[in-house]
Amino acid sequence: MTGLHERHLAVSPEWLTLYYRHPLELTHGEGRHVWDADGNRYLDFFGGILTTMTAHALPEVAKAVSEQAGRLIHSSTLYLNRPMVELAERVAALSGIPDARVFFTTSGTEANDAALLLATAHRGSNQILAMRNSYHGRSFSAVSITGNRSWSTTSLSPLQTLYVHGGVRSRGPYAELSDERFIKACVADLEDLLGHTRGAAALIAEPVQGVGGFTAPPDGLYAAFREVLDRHGILWISDEVQTGWGRTGDHFWGWQAHAQNGPPDILTFAKGIGNGMSIGGVVARADVMNCLDANSISTFGGSPVTMAAGLANLSYLLEHDLQGNARRVGGLLIERLRAVGAGSPAVREVRGRGLMIGIELVKPGTDDADPDAAAAVLEAARAGGLLIGKGGGHNTSVLRIAPPLSLTVAEAEEGAEILGEALDAAT
């Protein structure tokens, strides 16, 4: 055990998770690579939990942060803030939500908290519909709507949460149905659920479930849900903390795979927009955003430095078509990983889109999740020079792969090769 690890254990909560048997101290990064305190170099396929979206040490972002810090680091939302207004204008225009208003927070958890506050206040109800296998953050209210036992730490809640089928395509009671019948069954389940309740405030859903193991329903499910929700006056919150900014390749936002009945009423975002700086936020129609009848501010949300970083990062992403790169290089990577998975009896499924890919591991010859194998592959990949993540609603048995969106073809090939060797060595 290193001295830093011992110091960490002495001052940190036991539940503050660290990866690896011998935890890693990262000291610096460049592009798609990071280095540890011992000088080892790694290809980064997890990006600080999908947060280093463009690249490590991106010069454009570093320059924007440095220049703004040299002028003014903090002011709060009690004063006009030019970088905040400029980023809000761009996010509102990109969101697809008409007459959009934007409120900045410091994290995805806080963004989802704010969305729940808006929805419950707007509807006068504390009842929330959430998806099974979901994850929306670590705060009291966010944990209370999380449909993943591994991350739901208490049954106490300020909200009444009702869970809906549909977030996981290949497990559960509807797994064997065709996509069309799957959607119909999930809609029927939602209709039945609403028949036993009164006045839900909102449905909150991740278009692709992140912590849940990069699972997703067939395209169009949430559009079908929207028809039902609209009849009941229930709002739709799209949690884009992990799916936003073009990561899925095909779409800029995850909700756009379900766009037949229009955009969500509320959209939450975080992670990648700051490329490591602490940015989250909520976008909503003006009537929803303005429903609060009390004063509010944010001390740190929308700070000049983080907004400058977000503006520079978003400009880089759009100017370099990183969404297109995620589609092209991500398509190649998932093809390579499926070839790797086809040769391993431990791989149940390789799924995903763009640069958001999950590999679900099971005990060979069964459909039983194998979290020990996932942990072993994580270790073997690190030994080979590759950092990945893990998750999944079935005992954390999914390898999560989400590199920066600037990933090159050569790096995708290299990462797939290392991961193939790690699977061979560990399963």
Protein backbone atom coordinates (compact mmCIF):
# COMPACT_ATOMS: atom_id res chain seq x y z
CA MET A 1 0.00 0.00 0.00
CA THR A 2 1.42 3.39 -0.96
CA GLY A 3 1.77 6.26 1.49
CA LEU A 4 -0.88 8.26 -0.40
CA HIS A 5 -3.30 5.33 -0.28
CA GLU A 6 -2.82 5.01 3.47
CA ARG A 7 -3.44 8.73 3.90
CA HIS A 8 -6.56 8.46 1.74
CA LEU A 9 -7.96 5.65 3.89
CA ALA A 10 -7.26 7.61 7.06
CA VAL A 11 -9.33 10.64 6.04
CA SER A 12 -11.90 9.37 3.51
CA PRO A 13 -15.23 7.55 3.95
CA GLU A 14 -15.08 3.77 3.51
CA TRP A 15 -17.72 4.01 0.76
CA LEU A 16 -15.58 6.33 -1.41
CA THR A 17 -14.72 3.81 -4.13
CA LEU A 18 -11.24 3.42 -5.63
CA TYR A 19 -10.48 1.34 -8.71
CA TYR A 20 -7.83 -1.40 -8.66
CA ARG A 21 -6.21 -3.54 -5.94
CA HIS A 22 -3.37 -1.02 -5.89
CA PRO A 23 -5.09 2.33 -6.57
CA LEU A 24 -3.71 4.63 -9.21
CA GLU A 25 -2.52 8.22 -8.77
CA LEU A 26 -2.76 10.06 -12.09
CA THR A 27 -0.38 12.99 -12.40
CA HIS A 28 -0.86 14.39 -15.90
CA GLY A 29 -2.40 13.74 -19.29
CA GLU A 30 -2.20 14.68 -22.95
CA GLY A 31 -4.65 13.87 -25.71
CA ARG A 32 -6.08 10.42 -25.01
CA HIS A 33 -3.28 9.38 -22.63
CA VAL A 34 -2.56 9.80 -18.92
CA TRP A 35 0.47 9.05 -16.73
CA ASP A 36 0.65 7.78 -13.16
CA ALA A 37 2.99 8.74 -10.33
CA ASP A 38 5.38 5.93 -11.31
CA GLY A 39 5.69 7.23 -14.87
CA ASN A 40 3.51 4.57 -16.50
CA ARG A 41 1.57 5.71 -19.56
CA TYR A 42 -2.03 4.60 -20.21
CA LEU A 43 -4.48 4.91 -23.06
CA ASP A 44 -7.55 6.40 -21.38
CA PHE A 45 -10.83 4.77 -22.39
CA PHE A 46 -12.87 6.14 -19.47
CA GLY A 47 -12.05 9.86 -19.45
CA GLY A 48 -12.64 10.54 -15.76
CA ILE A 49 -16.09 8.91 -15.99
CA LEU A 50 -16.99 10.33 -19.43
CA THR A 51 -15.87 13.82 -18.39
CA THR A 52 -12.66 14.43 -20.35
CA MET A 53 -14.73 14.73 -23.50
CA THR A 54 -12.37 16.32 -26.01
CA ALA A 55 -8.82 15.57 -24.82
CA HIS A 56 -6.55 15.77 -21.81
CA ALA A 57 -4.73 19.10 -21.48
CA LEU A 58 -6.56 20.57 -24.48
CA PRO A 59 -4.64 23.82 -25.16
CA GLU A 60 -7.76 25.80 -26.08
CA VAL A 61 -9.44 24.97 -22.76
CA ALA A 62 -6.28 25.48 -20.70
CA LYS A 63 -5.77 28.90 -22.30
CA ALA A 64 -9.36 29.97 -21.67
CA VAL A 65 -9.16 28.91 -18.01
CA SER A 66 -5.82 30.65 -17.48
CA GLU A 67 -6.90 33.90 -19.12
CA GLN A 68 -10.19 34.08 -17.21
CA ALA A 69 -8.52 33.17 -13.91
CA GLY A 70 -6.11 36.03 -14.49
CA ARG A 71 -9.05 38.44 -14.79
CA LEU A 72 -11.71 37.22 -12.35
CA ILE A 73 -12.21 33.80 -10.76
CA HIS A 74 -15.51 34.26 -8.97
CA SER A 75 -18.51 36.56 -8.73
CA SER A 76 -21.68 34.41 -8.12
CA THR A 77 -24.98 34.75 -10.00
CA LEU A 78 -25.79 37.99 -8.16
CA TYR A 79 -23.84 39.84 -10.86
CA LEU A 80 -24.00 39.80 -14.64
CA ASN A 81 -21.60 37.21 -15.99
CA ARG A 82 -20.70 37.45 -19.69
CA PRO A 83 -19.21 33.93 -20.11
CA MET A 84 -22.28 32.43 -18.41
CA VAL A 85 -24.70 34.28 -20.68
CA GLU A 86 -22.69 33.34 -23.78
CA LEU A 87 -22.58 29.64 -22.88
CA ALA A 88 -26.27 29.66 -21.90
CA GLU A 89 -27.16 31.13 -25.31
CA ARG A 90 -25.26 28.38 -27.10
CA VAL A 91 -26.66 25.57 -24.95
CA ALA A 92 -30.22 26.87 -25.30
CA ALA A 93 -29.88 26.99 -29.09
CA LEU A 94 -28.40 23.49 -29.23
CA SER A 95 -30.90 21.94 -26.82
CA GLY A 96 -33.83 21.75 -29.25
CA ILE A 97 -36.18 23.00 -26.51
CA PRO A 98 -38.29 25.99 -27.60
CA ASP A 99 -38.06 29.22 -25.57
CA ALA A 100 -35.35 27.56 -23.50
CA ARG A 101 -33.93 28.86 -20.25
CA VAL A 102 -30.64 27.56 -18.79
CA PHE A 103 -29.55 27.27 -15.16
CA PHE A 104 -25.96 26.23 -14.42
CA THR A 105 -24.94 24.00 -11.51
CA THR A 106 -21.66 22.41 -10.46
CA SER A 107 -22.46 18.75 -11.23
CA GLY A 108 -24.86 16.32 -12.86
CA THR A 109 -26.25 15.36 -9.46
CA GLU A 110 -27.09 18.98 -8.72
CA ALA A 111 -28.55 19.40 -12.21
CA ASN A 112 -30.91 16.48 -11.64
CA ASP A 113 -31.82 17.86 -8.21
CA ALA A 114 -32.76 21.15 -9.85
CA ALA A 115 -34.80 19.36 -12.53
CA LEU A 116 -36.72 17.46 -9.85
CA LEU A 117 -37.37 20.71 -7.99
CA LEU A 118 -38.72 22.32 -11.16
CA ALA A 119 -40.90 19.37 -12.12
CA THR A 120 -42.41 18.85 -8.66
CA ALA A 121 -43.06 22.58 -8.22
CA HIS A 122 -44.56 22.94 -11.69
CA ARG A 123 -46.88 19.98 -11.23
CA GLY A 124 -47.56 20.30 -7.50
CA SER A 125 -46.64 16.64 -7.00
CA ASN A 126 -43.79 14.75 -5.39
CA GLN A 127 -44.39 11.61 -7.47
CA ILE A 128 -41.64 10.74 -9.96
CA LEU A 129 -41.50 8.03 -12.62
CA ALA A 130 -38.01 6.61 -13.13
CA MET A 131 -36.54 3.75 -15.12
CA ARG A 132 -35.39 0.47 -13.66
CA ASN A 133 -31.57 0.16 -13.62
CA SER A 134 -31.21 3.97 -13.67
CA TYR A 135 -28.70 6.26 -11.95
CA HIS A 136 -29.09 10.03 -11.50
CA GLY A 137 -26.53 11.06 -8.87
CA ARG A 138 -25.51 10.72 -5.24
CA SER A 139 -27.62 13.36 -3.43
CA PHE A 140 -30.59 12.50 -1.22
CA SER A 141 -33.20 13.21 -3.89
CA ALA A 142 -31.15 11.73 -6.76
CA VAL A 143 -30.47 8.51 -4.85
CA SER A 144 -34.19 8.23 -4.11
CA ILE A 145 -35.01 7.94 -7.82
CA THR A 146 -32.09 5.64 -8.67
CA GLY A 147 -33.23 2.24 -9.89
CA ASN A 148 -29.89 0.49 -9.37
CA ARG A 149 -29.46 -1.26 -6.01
CA SER A 150 -25.68 -0.89 -6.01
CA TRP A 151 -26.02 2.91 -5.92
CA SER A 152 -29.27 3.37 -3.98
CA THR A 153 -28.06 3.77 -0.41
CA THR A 154 -31.30 4.48 1.47
CA SER A 155 -35.02 3.81 1.23
CA LEU A 156 -35.78 7.21 2.76
CA SER A 157 -36.91 9.77 0.21
CA PRO A 158 -38.50 13.18 -0.26
CA LEU A 159 -40.15 11.74 -3.37
CA GLN A 160 -42.48 8.88 -4.19
CA THR A 161 -40.74 6.97 -6.96
CA LEU A 162 -42.42 4.52 -9.33
CA TYR A 163 -40.25 2.44 -11.66
CA VAL A 164 -41.01 1.81 -15.33
CA HIS A 165 -39.83 -0.93 -17.69
CA GLY A 166 -37.77 -0.17 -20.77
CA GLY A 167 -34.26 1.01 -19.97
CA VAL A 168 -32.69 -2.45 -20.44
CA ARG A 169 -33.28 -4.11 -23.80
CA SER A 170 -31.69 -7.53 -23.37
CA ARG A 171 -32.78 -8.53 -19.86
CA GLY A 172 -36.10 -8.57 -18.05
CA PRO A 173 -39.62 -9.77 -18.92
CA TYR A 174 -39.70 -8.24 -22.41
CA ALA A 175 -36.19 -9.18 -23.56
CA GLU A 176 -37.31 -11.80 -26.07
CA LEU A 177 -39.77 -9.50 -27.86
CA SER A 178 -39.07 -7.72 -31.15
CA ASP A 179 -38.26 -4.00 -30.86
CA GLU A 180 -41.78 -3.04 -31.92
CA ARG A 181 -43.43 -5.40 -29.43
CA PHE A 182 -40.93 -4.37 -26.73
CA ILE A 183 -42.01 -0.74 -27.10
CA LYS A 184 -45.69 -1.68 -27.07
CA ALA A 185 -45.23 -3.76 -23.92
CA CYS A 186 -43.37 -0.98 -22.13
CA VAL A 187 -46.02 1.57 -23.12
CA ALA A 188 -48.73 -0.76 -21.84
CA ASP A 189 -46.81 -1.12 -18.57
CA LEU A 190 -46.61 2.67 -18.26
CA GLU A 191 -50.32 3.05 -18.98
CA ASP A 192 -51.14 0.43 -16.37
CA LEU A 193 -48.87 2.06 -13.80
CA LEU A 194 -50.49 5.46 -14.32
CA GLY A 195 -53.90 3.86 -13.90
CA HIS A 196 -52.97 3.09 -10.29
CA THR A 197 -51.49 6.50 -9.44
CA ARG A 198 -52.52 10.11 -9.50
CA GLY A 199 -50.70 13.19 -10.68
CA ALA A 200 -47.07 12.19 -11.29
CA ALA A 201 -44.77 15.17 -11.82
CA ALA A 202 -42.32 13.78 -14.36
CA LEU A 203 -40.59 10.81 -15.94
CA ILE A 204 -36.81 11.07 -15.67
CA ALA A 205 -34.77 8.85 -17.98
CA GLU A 206 -31.25 8.47 -19.33
CA PRO A 207 -31.47 7.82 -23.09
CA VAL A 208 -28.53 5.45 -22.56
CA GLN A 209 -28.12 4.29 -18.97
CA GLY A 210 -24.59 5.10 -17.89
CA VAL A 211 -23.81 3.51 -14.52
CA GLY A 212 -26.36 0.84 -15.46
CA GLY A 213 -23.91 -0.52 -18.04
CA PHE A 214 -24.58 1.50 -21.23
CA THR A 215 -27.96 -0.11 -21.78
CA ALA A 216 -30.61 1.49 -23.99
CA PRO A 217 -34.11 0.78 -25.27
CA PRO A 218 -35.01 0.61 -28.96
CA ASP A 219 -35.08 4.01 -30.65
CA GLY A 220 -38.50 5.59 -30.29
CA LEU A 221 -39.43 4.23 -26.85
CA TYR A 222 -39.41 7.63 -25.13
CA ALA A 223 -41.30 9.16 -28.03
CA ALA A 224 -44.00 6.53 -27.45
CA PHE A 225 -43.87 7.27 -23.72
CA ARG A 226 -44.23 10.98 -24.53
CA GLU A 227 -47.68 10.42 -26.05
CA VAL A 228 -48.84 8.85 -22.80
CA LEU A 229 -47.13 11.45 -20.61
CA ASP A 230 -48.66 14.34 -22.56
CA ARG A 231 -52.16 12.95 -22.09
CA HIS A 232 -51.59 13.01 -18.34
CA GLY A 233 -49.73 16.33 -18.25
CA ILE A 234 -46.55 14.63 -16.99
CA LEU A 235 -43.19 16.21 -17.83
CA TRP A 236 -40.31 14.36 -19.50
CA ILE A 237 -36.82 14.94 -18.07
CA SER A 238 -33.98 13.67 -20.26
CA ASP A 239 -30.84 13.05 -18.19
CA GLU A 240 -28.07 13.80 -20.70
CA VAL A 241 -25.23 13.91 -18.18
CA GLN A 242 -23.46 11.05 -19.98
CA THR A 243 -25.16 10.99 -23.41
CA GLY A 244 -24.91 14.67 -24.33
CA TRP A 245 -22.60 16.60 -26.65
CA GLY A 246 -22.41 14.01 -29.46
CA ARG A 247 -20.96 11.06 -27.55
CA THR A 248 -23.42 8.60 -29.12
CA GLY A 249 -22.28 9.65 -32.60
CA ASP A 250 -25.66 9.48 -34.31
CA HIS A 251 -27.09 12.34 -32.28
CA PHE A 252 -25.94 15.42 -30.37
CA TRP A 253 -28.34 14.53 -27.54
CA GLY A 254 -29.50 11.08 -26.57
CA TRP A 255 -33.16 12.16 -26.66
CA GLN A 256 -32.89 12.72 -30.42
CA ALA A 257 -33.13 8.95 -30.95
CA HIS A 258 -36.67 9.38 -29.58
CA ALA A 259 -37.58 12.67 -31.22
CA GLN A 260 -40.79 11.79 -33.07
CA ASN A 261 -42.92 13.67 -30.53
CA GLY A 262 -40.57 16.55 -29.90
CA PRO A 263 -37.88 17.42 -27.36
CA PRO A 264 -38.07 16.81 -23.61
CA ASP A 265 -39.61 19.40 -21.30
CA ILE A 266 -36.42 19.45 -19.21
CA LEU A 267 -32.88 18.42 -20.15
CA THR A 268 -30.00 18.00 -17.70
CA PHE A 269 -26.31 18.02 -18.62
CA ALA A 270 -22.84 17.96 -17.03
CA LYS A 271 -19.57 16.01 -17.36
CA GLY A 272 -18.20 16.46 -20.88
CA ILE A 273 -19.09 20.12 -21.43
CA GLY A 274 -16.45 21.21 -18.91
CA ASN A 275 -13.80 18.69 -20.03
CA GLY A 276 -12.96 18.25 -16.35
CA MET A 277 -14.13 21.59 -15.01
CA SER A 278 -17.13 21.43 -12.69
CA ILE A 279 -20.14 22.27 -14.86
CA GLY A 280 -23.70 20.96 -14.79
CA GLY A 281 -26.96 22.49 -15.80
CA VAL A 282 -30.66 22.34 -16.59
CA VAL A 283 -32.45 23.46 -19.75
CA ALA A 284 -36.23 23.85 -19.66
CA ARG A 285 -39.07 25.68 -21.36
CA ALA A 286 -39.57 29.13 -19.88
CA ASP A 287 -42.91 28.25 -18.25
CA VAL A 288 -41.29 25.30 -16.47
CA MET A 289 -38.06 27.07 -15.50
CA ASN A 290 -39.91 30.15 -14.25
CA CYS A 291 -42.42 28.24 -12.11
CA LEU A 292 -40.49 28.73 -8.86
CA ASP A 293 -42.06 31.49 -6.76
CA ALA A 294 -39.11 32.06 -4.41
CA ASN A 295 -35.72 33.66 -4.85
CA SER A 296 -32.73 31.52 -5.77
CA ILE A 297 -29.08 31.93 -6.70
CA SER A 298 -26.02 29.79 -7.27
CA THR A 299 -22.79 30.65 -5.52
CA PHE A 300 -20.59 28.50 -7.74
CA GLY A 301 -22.83 27.44 -10.65
CA GLY A 302 -21.90 29.36 -13.79
CA SER A 303 -18.59 30.63 -12.40
CA PRO A 304 -16.58 32.76 -14.86
CA VAL A 305 -13.72 30.24 -15.03
CA THR A 306 -15.83 27.15 -15.63
CA MET A 307 -17.98 28.99 -18.19
CA ALA A 308 -14.87 30.10 -20.08
CA ALA A 309 -13.74 26.47 -20.13
CA GLY A 310 -17.16 25.30 -21.33
CA LEU A 311 -17.24 27.85 -24.15
CA ALA A 312 -13.76 26.90 -25.37
CA ASN A 313 -14.51 23.17 -25.09
CA LEU A 314 -17.85 23.40 -26.89
CA SER A 315 -16.30 25.47 -29.68
CA TYR A 316 -13.55 22.90 -30.14
CA LEU A 317 -16.05 20.04 -30.20
CA LEU A 318 -18.21 21.69 -32.86
CA GLU A 319 -15.39 23.06 -35.00
CA HIS A 320 -13.65 19.65 -35.13
CA ASP A 321 -16.87 17.65 -35.63
CA LEU A 322 -16.14 15.37 -32.69
CA GLN A 323 -19.67 13.99 -32.92
CA GLY A 324 -18.82 12.75 -36.43
CA ASN A 325 -15.56 11.34 -35.12
CA ALA A 326 -17.44 9.52 -32.35
CA ARG A 327 -19.71 7.99 -34.98
CA ARG A 328 -16.89 6.93 -37.31
CA VAL A 329 -14.23 5.80 -34.83
CA GLY A 330 -16.84 4.48 -32.41
CA GLY A 331 -18.32 2.34 -35.19
CA LEU A 332 -14.92 0.86 -35.90
CA LEU A 333 -14.21 0.29 -32.20
CA ILE A 334 -17.48 -1.51 -31.50
CA GLU A 335 -16.91 -3.68 -34.57
CA ARG A 336 -13.46 -4.66 -33.25
CA LEU A 337 -14.80 -5.29 -29.77
CA ARG A 338 -17.61 -7.47 -31.08
CA ALA A 339 -15.01 -9.54 -32.90
CA VAL A 340 -13.08 -9.83 -29.64
CA GLY A 341 -16.25 -10.73 -27.75
CA ALA A 342 -17.22 -13.41 -30.24
CA GLY A 343 -14.10 -15.31 -29.24
CA SER A 344 -14.72 -15.15 -25.50
CA PRO A 345 -17.30 -17.37 -23.74
CA ALA A 346 -17.39 -14.82 -20.92
CA VAL A 347 -18.86 -12.07 -23.12
CA ARG A 348 -22.65 -12.01 -23.14
CA GLU A 349 -23.09 -8.86 -25.18
CA VAL A 350 -21.15 -5.97 -26.71
CA ARG A 351 -23.50 -2.98 -27.03
CA GLY A 352 -23.48 0.75 -27.47
CA ARG A 353 -23.29 3.52 -30.01
CA GLY A 354 -20.62 6.06 -30.81
CA LEU A 355 -17.96 6.18 -28.13
CA MET A 356 -20.23 4.78 -25.41
CA ILE A 357 -19.73 1.02 -25.41
CA GLY A 358 -20.47 -1.70 -22.86
CA ILE A 359 -19.20 -5.29 -22.68
CA GLU A 360 -21.34 -7.45 -20.39
CA LEU A 361 -19.57 -10.41 -18.80
CA VAL A 362 -21.19 -13.62 -17.53
CA LYS A 363 -20.03 -16.94 -16.17
CA PRO A 364 -19.35 -19.04 -19.28
CA GLY A 365 -22.24 -21.23 -20.32
CA THR A 366 -24.74 -19.29 -18.19
CA ASP A 367 -26.60 -15.99 -18.17
CA ASP A 368 -25.31 -15.16 -14.69
CA ALA A 369 -23.45 -11.88 -14.23
CA ASP A 370 -19.77 -12.21 -13.32
CA PRO A 371 -18.54 -9.17 -11.38
CA ASP A 372 -15.31 -10.97 -10.43
CA ALA A 373 -14.46 -11.33 -14.11
CA ALA A 374 -15.17 -7.65 -14.70
CA ALA A 375 -12.83 -6.68 -11.87
CA ALA A 376 -10.14 -9.05 -13.21
CA VAL A 377 -10.40 -7.62 -16.75
CA LEU A 378 -10.13 -4.11 -15.33
CA GLU A 379 -6.86 -5.09 -13.65
CA ALA A 380 -5.51 -6.89 -16.73
CA ALA A 381 -6.35 -3.94 -18.99
CA ARG A 382 -4.48 -1.61 -16.66
CA ALA A 383 -1.48 -3.92 -16.73
CA GLY A 384 -1.62 -3.72 -20.52
CA GLY A 385 -1.72 0.08 -20.50
CA LEU A 386 -5.47 0.70 -20.87
CA LEU A 387 -7.88 2.34 -18.42
CA ILE A 388 -11.58 1.40 -18.65
CA GLY A 389 -14.57 1.57 -16.31
CA LYS A 390 -17.19 -0.85 -15.08
CA GLY A 391 -20.84 -0.76 -14.08
CA GLY A 392 -24.12 -2.52 -14.75
CA GLY A 393 -27.29 -3.26 -12.85
CA HIS A 394 -26.54 -6.97 -12.60
CA ASN A 395 -23.74 -6.95 -10.02
CA THR A 396 -21.37 -4.58 -11.83
CA SER A 397 -20.41 -6.99 -14.57
CA VAL A 398 -20.21 -4.58 -17.51
CA LEU A 399 -16.97 -3.08 -18.83
CA ARG A 400 -17.61 0.58 -19.70
CA ILE A 401 -15.67 2.10 -22.57
CA ALA A 402 -15.94 5.84 -23.21
CA PRO A 403 -12.77 7.48 -24.55
CA PRO A 404 -12.40 11.18 -25.35
CA LEU A 405 -14.30 12.00 -28.55
CA SER A 406 -11.06 12.89 -30.36
CA LEU A 407 -9.96 9.22 -30.29
CA THR A 408 -8.00 8.23 -33.41
CA VAL A 409 -8.41 5.07 -35.47
CA ALA A 410 -4.95 3.88 -34.40
CA GLU A 411 -5.81 4.38 -30.72
CA ALA A 412 -9.12 2.54 -31.16
CA GLU A 413 -7.26 -0.40 -32.72
CA GLU A 414 -4.67 -0.37 -29.94
CA GLY A 415 -7.30 -0.26 -27.20
CA ALA A 416 -9.30 -3.10 -28.73
CA GLU A 417 -6.16 -5.24 -28.93
CA ILE A 418 -5.24 -4.59 -25.29
CA LEU A 419 -8.79 -5.33 -24.18
CA GLY A 420 -8.82 -8.57 -26.14
CA GLU A 421 -5.63 -9.67 -24.42
CA ALA A 422 -7.06 -8.66 -21.04
CA LEU A 423 -10.19 -10.75 -21.64
CA ASP A 424 -8.06 -13.75 -22.62
CA ALA A 425 -5.88 -13.35 -19.53
CA ALA A 426 -8.63 -12.73 -16.98
CA THR A 427 -11.60 -14.89 -18.05
